[in-house]
Protein backbone atom coordinates (compact mmCIF):
# COMPACT_ATOMS: atom_id res chain seq x y z
CA MET A 1 97.87 190.45 230.72
CA GLU A 2 98.46 193.03 233.45
CA ASN A 3 96.35 196.14 233.83
CA GLY A 4 97.93 198.98 231.91
CA ASP A 5 99.24 196.78 229.10
CA ALA A 6 97.99 197.40 225.59
CA PRO A 7 94.71 195.67 224.82
CA GLN A 8 94.80 192.64 222.57
CA VAL A 9 93.19 193.11 219.16
CA TYR A 10 91.41 190.21 217.46
CA SER A 11 91.20 189.79 213.73
CA GLY A 12 88.37 191.78 212.22
CA LEU A 13 87.68 193.79 215.37
CA SER A 14 88.86 197.31 216.13
CA THR A 15 90.35 198.45 219.42
CA GLU A 16 87.27 200.66 219.83
CA ASN A 17 85.06 197.66 220.18
CA LEU A 18 87.01 194.88 221.87
CA PHE A 19 89.25 195.19 224.90
CA ASP A 20 90.89 192.24 226.64
CA PHE A 21 92.36 192.57 230.09
CA ASP A 22 92.37 188.80 230.65
CA SER A 23 89.37 188.91 232.96
CA ARG A 24 87.27 191.46 231.08
CA VAL A 25 86.24 191.52 227.43
CA LEU A 26 84.04 194.23 225.96
CA CYS A 27 82.79 193.94 222.42
CA ASN A 28 79.88 196.30 222.08
CA THR A 29 78.43 197.47 218.74
CA GLY A 30 80.98 195.25 217.00
CA GLY A 31 78.70 193.92 214.27
CA LEU A 32 79.23 190.30 215.36
CA HIS A 33 76.87 187.65 213.97
CA GLU A 34 77.97 184.86 216.30
CA ILE A 35 79.80 184.37 219.59
CA PRO A 36 83.58 184.66 218.87
CA LEU A 37 84.29 181.67 221.10
CA ARG A 38 87.66 180.72 219.57
CA ASN A 39 88.98 184.27 219.95
CA LEU A 40 88.07 184.73 223.60
CA PRO A 41 90.65 184.11 226.34
CA LYS A 42 89.89 181.13 228.58
CA THR A 43 90.44 183.36 231.60
CA VAL A 44 87.68 185.84 230.79
CA GLU A 45 85.35 186.55 233.71
CA ASN A 46 83.28 189.49 232.50
CA LEU A 47 82.02 189.30 228.92
CA SER A 48 79.97 192.08 227.33
CA LEU A 49 78.70 191.51 223.80
CA THR A 50 75.94 194.11 223.64
CA LYS A 51 74.42 195.69 220.53
CA ASN A 52 75.72 193.16 218.05
CA ASN A 53 73.79 191.16 215.46
CA PHE A 54 73.35 187.78 217.15
CA THR A 55 70.07 186.13 216.16
CA VAL A 56 70.57 182.70 217.72
CA ILE A 57 72.45 181.57 220.82
CA LYS A 58 73.51 178.01 220.06
CA SER A 59 73.82 175.12 222.48
CA ASP A 60 77.04 175.25 224.51
CA ALA A 61 77.71 178.71 223.09
CA PHE A 62 80.27 179.52 225.80
CA MET A 63 81.74 176.07 226.34
CA GLY A 64 85.25 176.17 227.77
CA LEU A 65 84.95 179.61 229.37
CA LYS A 66 84.72 178.14 232.85
CA ASN A 67 85.83 181.34 234.58
CA LEU A 68 82.93 183.40 233.27
CA ARG A 69 81.09 185.22 236.05
CA LYS A 70 79.06 187.76 234.07
CA ILE A 71 77.62 187.78 230.55
CA SER A 72 75.76 190.67 228.96
CA LEU A 73 73.98 190.13 225.64
CA ASP A 74 71.71 193.17 225.77
CA GLY A 75 70.55 194.97 222.64
CA ASN A 76 71.14 192.13 220.19
CA ASN A 77 68.74 190.73 217.58
CA ILE A 78 68.40 187.45 219.45
CA SER A 79 65.20 185.62 218.49
CA HIS A 80 66.00 182.11 219.75
CA ILE A 81 68.08 180.51 222.48
CA LYS A 82 68.72 176.82 221.99
CA ALA A 83 68.68 174.18 224.71
CA PHE A 84 71.60 174.22 227.15
CA ALA A 85 73.03 177.39 225.62
CA PHE A 86 74.83 178.28 228.85
CA ARG A 87 75.92 174.82 229.94
CA GLY A 88 79.36 174.32 231.42
CA LEU A 89 79.65 177.67 233.22
CA PRO A 90 79.99 176.71 236.90
CA ARG A 91 81.07 180.17 238.05
CA LEU A 92 78.51 182.22 236.16
CA ARG A 93 76.72 184.60 238.54
CA GLU A 94 74.94 187.14 236.34
CA LEU A 95 73.34 186.78 232.92
CA SER A 96 71.61 189.68 231.20
CA ILE A 97 69.58 189.34 227.99
CA GLN A 98 67.50 192.51 227.68
CA HIS A 99 66.11 194.64 224.85
CA THR A 100 66.31 191.83 222.28
CA HIS A 101 63.88 190.21 219.83
CA LEU A 102 63.57 187.04 221.91
CA THR A 103 59.97 185.83 221.49
CA SER A 104 59.90 182.66 223.59
CA ILE A 105 61.87 180.79 226.19
CA SER A 106 62.31 177.35 224.72
CA SER A 107 62.57 174.13 226.69
CA PHE A 108 65.91 173.81 228.50
CA SER A 109 67.17 177.20 227.25
CA PHE A 110 68.35 178.09 230.74
CA ALA A 111 68.73 174.58 232.10
CA GLY A 112 71.52 173.63 234.45
CA LEU A 113 72.52 177.07 235.71
CA GLN A 114 73.61 176.08 239.19
CA ASN A 115 74.89 179.30 240.70
CA VAL A 116 73.53 182.19 238.64
CA SER A 117 72.32 184.72 241.17
CA VAL A 118 70.82 187.22 238.68
CA LEU A 119 69.01 186.39 235.43
CA LEU A 120 67.61 189.45 233.66
CA LEU A 121 65.16 188.70 230.85
CA ASN A 122 63.08 191.85 230.96
CA HIS A 123 62.33 194.23 228.08
CA ASN A 124 62.20 191.52 225.42
CA LYS A 125 59.35 190.19 223.26
CA ILE A 126 58.79 186.97 225.17
CA HIS A 127 55.19 185.78 224.79
CA LYS A 128 55.59 182.16 225.90
CA ILE A 129 57.56 180.11 228.42
CA GLU A 130 57.80 176.48 227.39
CA GLU A 131 58.04 173.50 229.71
CA PHE A 132 61.30 172.80 231.55
CA SER A 133 62.86 176.06 230.42
CA PHE A 134 64.81 176.34 233.68
CA ALA A 135 65.22 172.65 234.53
CA GLY A 136 68.01 171.97 237.00
CA THR A 137 68.67 175.66 237.65
CA ALA A 138 69.13 176.60 241.30
CA ASN A 139 70.38 179.21 243.75
CA MET A 140 69.10 182.25 241.89
CA ARG A 141 68.62 185.50 243.75
CA LEU A 142 66.65 187.38 241.10
CA LEU A 143 64.78 186.24 237.98
CA LEU A 144 63.16 189.15 236.14
CA LEU A 145 60.69 188.65 233.30
CA ASN A 146 58.82 191.93 233.49
CA ASN A 147 58.14 194.14 230.47
CA ASN A 148 57.52 191.22 228.14
CA PRO A 149 54.25 190.53 226.25
CA LEU A 150 53.99 187.18 228.01
CA HIS A 151 50.55 185.72 227.29
CA ARG A 152 50.93 182.06 228.22
CA ILE A 153 52.80 180.10 230.85
CA GLU A 154 52.85 176.46 229.85
CA SER A 155 52.68 173.45 232.14
CA ASN A 156 55.98 172.74 233.91
CA ALA A 157 57.46 176.04 232.71
CA PHE A 158 59.37 176.42 235.97
CA SER A 159 59.84 172.74 236.75
CA SER A 160 63.05 171.91 238.63
CA LEU A 161 63.83 175.57 239.27
CA SER A 162 64.68 175.97 242.93
CA ASN A 163 66.10 178.34 245.51
CA VAL A 164 64.98 181.57 243.86
CA GLU A 165 64.75 184.65 246.05
CA HIS A 166 62.66 186.82 243.71
CA LEU A 167 60.66 185.72 240.67
CA ILE A 168 58.80 188.62 239.04
CA LEU A 169 56.47 187.81 236.14
CA PRO A 170 55.29 190.40 233.58
CA SER A 171 51.87 191.93 233.18
CA GLY A 172 49.33 190.85 230.57
CA ILE A 173 49.39 187.07 231.13
CA LYS A 174 46.22 185.59 229.60
CA VAL A 175 46.65 181.86 230.22
CA VAL A 176 48.32 180.00 233.07
CA GLU A 177 48.17 176.32 232.25
CA PRO A 178 47.62 173.64 234.91
CA ASP A 179 50.88 172.70 236.65
CA ALA A 180 52.54 175.87 235.36
CA PHE A 181 54.49 176.14 238.62
CA CYS A 182 54.86 172.43 239.28
CA GLY A 183 58.34 171.63 240.51
CA LEU A 184 59.16 175.22 241.44
CA GLU A 185 60.26 175.29 245.05
CA SER A 186 62.05 177.35 247.65
CA VAL A 187 61.07 180.80 246.42
CA GLY A 188 61.34 183.96 248.49
CA LEU A 189 58.91 186.12 246.48
CA LEU A 190 56.73 185.00 243.58
CA LYS A 191 54.78 187.96 242.23
CA ILE A 192 52.09 187.59 239.56
CA SER A 193 50.27 190.80 238.70
CA TYR A 194 48.22 192.52 236.00
CA MET A 195 47.00 189.24 234.50
CA ASP A 196 43.98 189.10 232.21
CA LEU A 197 42.61 185.60 232.76
CA LYS A 198 39.30 184.02 231.83
CA THR A 199 39.83 181.41 234.52
CA LEU A 200 42.28 180.49 237.22
CA GLN A 201 42.31 176.85 236.23
CA ALA A 202 42.32 173.70 238.32
CA ASN A 203 45.84 172.66 239.37
CA THR A 204 47.35 176.03 238.48
CA PHE A 205 49.54 175.98 241.59
CA ARG A 206 49.92 172.24 242.04
CA GLY A 207 53.49 171.33 242.90
CA LEU A 208 54.50 174.85 243.94
CA SER A 209 56.08 174.62 247.37
CA LYS A 210 58.16 176.40 249.96
CA VAL A 211 57.29 179.95 248.97
CA HIS A 212 57.77 182.67 251.54
CA PHE A 213 55.55 185.24 249.82
CA LEU A 214 53.13 184.50 246.96
CA ALA A 215 51.39 187.59 245.61
CA ILE A 216 48.49 187.39 243.14
CA GLN A 217 47.42 190.97 242.65
CA ASP A 218 46.04 193.73 240.44
CA SER A 219 44.62 191.21 237.97
CA ASP A 220 41.44 190.07 236.31
CA LEU A 221 41.29 186.50 237.58
CA GLY A 222 38.02 185.61 235.86
CA VAL A 223 36.55 182.49 237.44
CA ILE A 224 38.51 180.80 240.23
CA GLU A 225 37.84 177.17 239.39
CA GLU A 226 37.64 174.18 241.70
CA ASP A 227 41.07 172.89 242.76
CA ALA A 228 42.85 176.04 241.56
CA PHE A 229 44.93 176.03 244.75
CA ILE A 230 45.16 172.29 245.29
CA GLY A 231 48.71 171.03 245.70
CA LEU A 232 50.02 174.43 246.79
CA ASN A 233 51.95 173.84 249.98
CA HIS A 234 54.31 175.29 252.56
CA ILE A 235 53.50 178.94 251.93
CA THR A 236 54.29 181.54 254.57
CA SER A 237 52.07 184.28 253.13
CA LEU A 238 49.52 184.14 250.31
CA ASN A 239 48.30 187.58 249.22
CA ILE A 240 45.30 187.80 246.89
CA MET A 241 44.86 191.53 246.55
CA ASN A 242 43.15 194.13 244.35
CA ASN A 243 41.80 191.68 241.79
CA LYS A 244 38.56 191.47 239.83
CA ILE A 245 37.00 188.06 240.32
CA ASP A 246 33.95 187.05 238.29
CA SER A 247 33.09 184.16 240.57
CA ILE A 248 34.67 181.75 243.04
CA ARG A 249 33.78 178.12 242.47
CA GLU A 250 36.18 176.98 245.16
CA PHE A 251 38.49 178.64 247.65
CA LYS A 252 39.66 175.88 249.96
CA PHE A 253 42.74 175.47 252.11
CA ASN A 254 43.45 172.89 254.79
CA ALA A 255 46.28 171.37 256.79
CA SER A 256 47.81 169.75 253.69
CA ASN A 257 48.51 173.20 252.20
CA SER A 258 50.50 174.26 255.27
CA ILE A 259 49.82 177.98 254.76
CA LYS A 260 50.43 180.37 257.64
CA ASN A 261 48.87 183.61 256.40
CA ILE A 262 46.23 184.41 253.78
CA ARG A 263 45.30 188.00 252.95
CA PHE A 264 42.21 188.45 250.78
CA HIS A 265 42.19 192.23 250.45
CA GLY A 266 40.78 194.81 248.05
CA ASN A 267 39.15 192.37 245.65
CA HIS A 268 35.96 192.96 243.67
CA VAL A 269 33.91 189.76 243.58
CA LEU A 270 31.06 190.00 241.08
CA GLN A 271 29.18 186.86 242.09
CA SER A 272 28.95 185.56 245.63
CA PRO A 273 30.39 182.09 246.14
CA HIS A 274 28.26 179.32 247.54
CA VAL A 275 28.91 178.83 251.24
CA SER A 276 30.29 175.34 250.62
CA ALA A 277 32.83 176.71 248.12
CA ILE A 278 34.73 178.60 250.82
CA SER A 279 36.69 176.66 253.41
CA VAL A 280 39.82 177.99 255.10
CA GLU A 281 41.11 175.71 257.83
CA HIS A 282 44.41 175.30 259.67
CA VAL A 283 45.63 178.73 258.61
CA ASP A 284 47.20 180.82 261.37
CA ASN A 285 45.88 184.14 260.07
CA PHE A 286 43.12 184.69 257.52
CA SER A 287 42.35 188.34 256.80
CA VAL A 288 39.41 189.49 254.65
CA TYR A 289 39.54 193.25 254.30
CA ASN A 290 38.35 196.05 252.01
CA ASN A 291 36.70 193.74 249.48
CA HIS A 292 33.49 194.37 247.54
CA PHE A 293 30.86 191.62 247.44
CA PRO A 294 27.30 191.32 246.08
CA CYS A 295 24.76 192.24 248.75
CA ASP A 296 21.50 191.60 246.91
CA HIS A 297 18.96 188.81 247.43
CA CYS A 298 20.42 185.87 249.37
CA ASN A 299 24.07 186.63 248.67
CA ILE A 300 24.65 188.19 252.07
CA TYR A 301 23.79 184.88 253.72
CA SER A 302 26.46 182.99 251.83
CA LEU A 303 29.07 185.51 252.87
CA LEU A 304 28.17 185.63 256.54
CA GLU A 305 28.06 181.86 256.86
CA SER A 306 31.28 181.23 254.90
CA SER A 307 34.88 181.18 256.11
CA PHE A 308 35.18 184.74 254.84
CA ALA A 309 33.18 185.98 257.81
CA LYS A 310 32.43 183.30 260.35
CA SER A 311 35.59 183.75 262.44
CA ASN A 312 34.71 187.40 263.09
CA VAL A 313 31.43 188.55 261.61
CA ASN A 314 31.58 192.06 263.07
CA HIS A 315 35.03 192.68 261.62
CA PHE A 316 33.87 191.37 258.25
CA ILE A 317 30.78 193.55 257.92
CA LYS A 318 32.63 196.68 259.08
CA ASN A 319 35.59 196.28 256.75
CA ASN A 320 34.03 194.98 253.55
CA TYR A 321 31.64 196.62 251.10
CA CYS A 322 28.84 196.05 248.64
CA ILE A 323 29.42 195.95 244.91
CA SER A 324 25.78 195.32 243.97
CA PRO A 325 22.98 196.19 243.60
CA LEU A 326 23.78 199.66 242.31
CA SER A 327 21.89 201.33 245.14
CA LEU A 328 24.25 199.70 247.66
CA ASN A 329 27.49 200.04 245.70
CA GLY A 330 30.31 201.28 247.91
CA LYS A 331 28.41 201.01 251.16
CA PRO A 332 29.89 198.98 254.02
CA ILE A 333 28.06 195.75 254.67
CA SER A 334 27.52 196.92 258.25
CA SER A 335 25.26 199.71 256.96
CA LEU A 336 22.69 197.24 255.67
CA ASP A 337 19.50 196.30 257.45
CA ILE A 338 20.12 192.58 257.65
CA ASN A 339 16.57 191.87 258.81
CA ALA A 340 15.15 193.70 255.82
CA ILE A 341 17.36 191.71 253.49
CA ILE A 342 16.21 188.50 255.11
CA THR A 343 12.60 189.55 254.64
CA GLU A 344 13.13 190.48 251.00
CA CYS A 345 15.06 187.33 250.26
CA SER A 346 13.05 184.61 251.89
CA SER A 347 10.09 186.07 253.79
CA MET A 348 11.85 184.88 256.95
CA ASN A 349 12.54 187.26 259.81
CA GLU A 350 15.72 186.86 261.84
CA VAL A 351 16.38 183.29 260.72
CA SER A 352 19.90 182.23 259.78
CA ILE A 353 19.79 180.13 256.66
CA TYR A 354 22.46 177.68 257.70
CA SER A 355 23.00 178.13 261.42
CA LYS A 356 20.15 175.82 262.45
CA TYR A 357 21.22 173.02 260.18
CA ASN A 358 23.56 170.49 261.73
CA LYS A 359 25.44 168.85 258.90
CA ASN A 360 26.04 165.72 260.95
CA LYS A 361 22.34 165.05 261.49
CA ALA A 362 20.39 162.65 259.36
CA VAL A 363 17.34 163.92 257.53
CA THR A 364 15.16 162.01 260.01
CA ASP A 365 16.46 164.23 262.81
CA ILE A 366 15.21 167.48 261.30
CA PRO A 367 12.35 168.97 263.35
CA ARG A 368 8.92 169.59 261.92
CA CYS A 369 8.28 172.77 260.03
CA GLU A 370 6.45 175.58 261.74
CA LEU A 371 7.08 178.42 259.28
CA PHE A 372 4.78 179.82 256.60
CA LEU A 373 6.68 180.87 253.45
CA ASP A 374 6.21 182.13 249.94
CA ILE A 375 7.89 179.09 248.41
CA ASN A 376 7.64 180.40 244.84
CA ALA A 377 9.46 183.61 245.73
CA ILE A 378 12.17 181.79 247.67
CA ILE A 379 12.85 179.34 244.86
CA THR A 380 12.99 182.15 242.30
CA GLU A 381 15.30 184.37 244.32
CA CYS A 382 17.44 181.95 246.28
CA SER A 383 18.12 178.93 244.11
CA SER A 384 18.87 177.92 240.57
CA MET A 385 17.94 174.28 241.05
CA ASN A 386 15.67 173.00 238.34
CA GLU A 387 15.16 169.84 240.35
CA VAL A 388 13.03 171.65 242.94
CA SER A 389 10.36 172.68 240.46
CA ILE A 390 8.05 170.24 242.24
CA TYR A 391 7.82 172.75 245.06
CA SER A 392 6.51 175.52 242.84
CA LYS A 393 3.06 173.96 243.05
CA TYR A 394 2.77 174.95 246.68
CA ASN A 395 0.25 177.65 247.43
CA LYS A 396 1.68 180.89 248.79
CA ASN A 397 1.91 181.23 252.57
CA LYS A 398 1.06 177.58 253.16
CA ALA A 399 3.02 175.58 255.66
CA VAL A 400 4.58 172.37 254.43
CA THR A 401 2.20 170.48 256.68
CA ASP A 402 -0.71 172.09 254.83
CA ILE A 403 0.25 170.95 251.32
CA PRO A 404 -2.82 169.50 249.58
CA ARG A 405 -2.80 165.73 249.20
CA SER A 406 -3.05 166.00 245.42
CA TYR A 407 0.27 167.85 245.33
CA LYS A 408 1.85 165.30 247.61
CA THR A 409 0.64 162.39 245.59
CA HIS A 410 1.37 163.64 242.09
CA SER A 411 4.59 165.52 242.84
CA PHE A 412 6.44 163.36 245.32
CA ASN A 413 5.44 159.77 244.67
CA PRO A 414 7.54 159.51 241.46
CA ALA A 415 10.58 160.83 243.32
CA LEU A 416 10.11 158.28 246.08
CA SER A 417 9.45 155.34 243.84
CA ASN A 418 12.09 156.05 241.21
CA ASN A 419 14.93 157.60 243.14
CA GLN A 420 14.76 157.84 246.91
CA SER A 421 18.13 159.61 247.06
CA ASN A 422 16.89 162.49 244.90
CA PHE A 423 14.06 163.06 247.32
CA ILE A 424 16.43 163.02 250.30
CA GLN A 425 18.74 165.48 248.53
CA ASP A 426 15.76 167.77 247.96
CA LEU A 427 14.95 167.63 251.65
CA GLU A 428 18.56 168.33 252.56
CA PHE A 429 18.62 171.27 250.17
CA LEU A 430 15.55 172.84 251.72
CA CYS A 431 16.83 172.21 255.22
CA LYS A 432 20.10 173.94 254.45
CA VAL A 433 18.38 176.90 252.86
CA PHE A 434 15.39 177.38 255.09
CA GLY A 435 16.61 176.22 258.50
CA ASP A 436 14.00 174.15 260.35
CA LEU A 437 11.59 174.18 257.45
CA ILE A 438 11.12 170.52 256.61
CA PRO A 439 9.22 167.96 258.67
CA SER A 440 11.00 164.86 259.84
CA MET A 441 11.70 162.15 257.34
CA THR A 442 9.17 159.92 259.06
CA ALA A 443 6.42 162.50 258.76
CA ALA A 444 7.43 163.24 255.19
CA GLU A 445 7.23 159.62 254.16
CA GLU A 446 3.79 159.31 255.71
CA LYS A 447 2.51 162.36 253.88
CA PHE A 448 4.14 161.57 250.54
CA SER A 449 3.07 157.93 250.40
């Protein structure tokens, strides 16, 4: 039908609601309860069916309309989209389903969309994305899911979705299951913000690859668990910014991740990570800026000896701040009297906790102890190890070499006779924490026998 000809009228529909110019069909506010597939011209390219009464989009709902390039289903009462609803539309470029009652994205709902460049799913009631929802879908420029009450992203939710330029997730996510992004690859921007998590679980990002820009920001991340970032690979820039983090049990990246840039900026970390929990290697640029960390007791040691600071300690202490104790809140770390903190923490003046410990040395290579310490205070303030209670019997300000024989006999003999490795681990622990504190293994065995 040529432009200018009278529009075709379908049975039951008024000319106010449906216009057909071969390539364009508009049927808005028409009161339709299902897709009028049999009444639509096979040549239609632009189909608008907004503000009708659709509740379900069935499988193959648009089968045969191979020329379709744009579909708008905004403002309907859609609550469910069945698997492969949009199959068989090789030329479809834009699909908009906004302001509907859609509560979840079911498995395979949007599977097999090969050339859709824009998929708009914002302003719905989506609270869950099921596994394989987008399986086999590729070459998408923009996927919007913002302004949905999305609380859970299930494992494999984005599996087999590839070549997406921008993937924007909504605020308020409470659970991201392990492998939630597994199989998602070749993404320009993946933005996850305003989450409210209890934990960032192990394997959250496993299988996510080839992302130019991954932003995790403005969220409560809870506890970052071990292996949370394992399996994440080929990332140009990873931004972890402006989050609240209860604790970090592991933050490790190495050559297998193939990450060029990591920005850890503006975060509030409530509990300092153990020095061994932080390891950032084979990353071109690692920036730690404008964060707030605990500065009380021995926490400052963990920070200064970790990958957060060790590449440039001066830059770290000048550009990061204290979150606790309250008296230090908001102050730059550089404003602290490090020597005073050392004294308060461990009764040691100007001794680096870890710097004198060579991890490659055997316990037998550790030099004899020359320092006098308040062991009880150090154990109370600087460790939570119940296994080292044997040391609490030491008298204050006694050197290790001055421990009474009764303590040596009754405290250490059981450890040596029952489990030699436990004793060695105790020695290693003290060496790591107190520098050159422990006598050589040979001397120790002589004294503890």
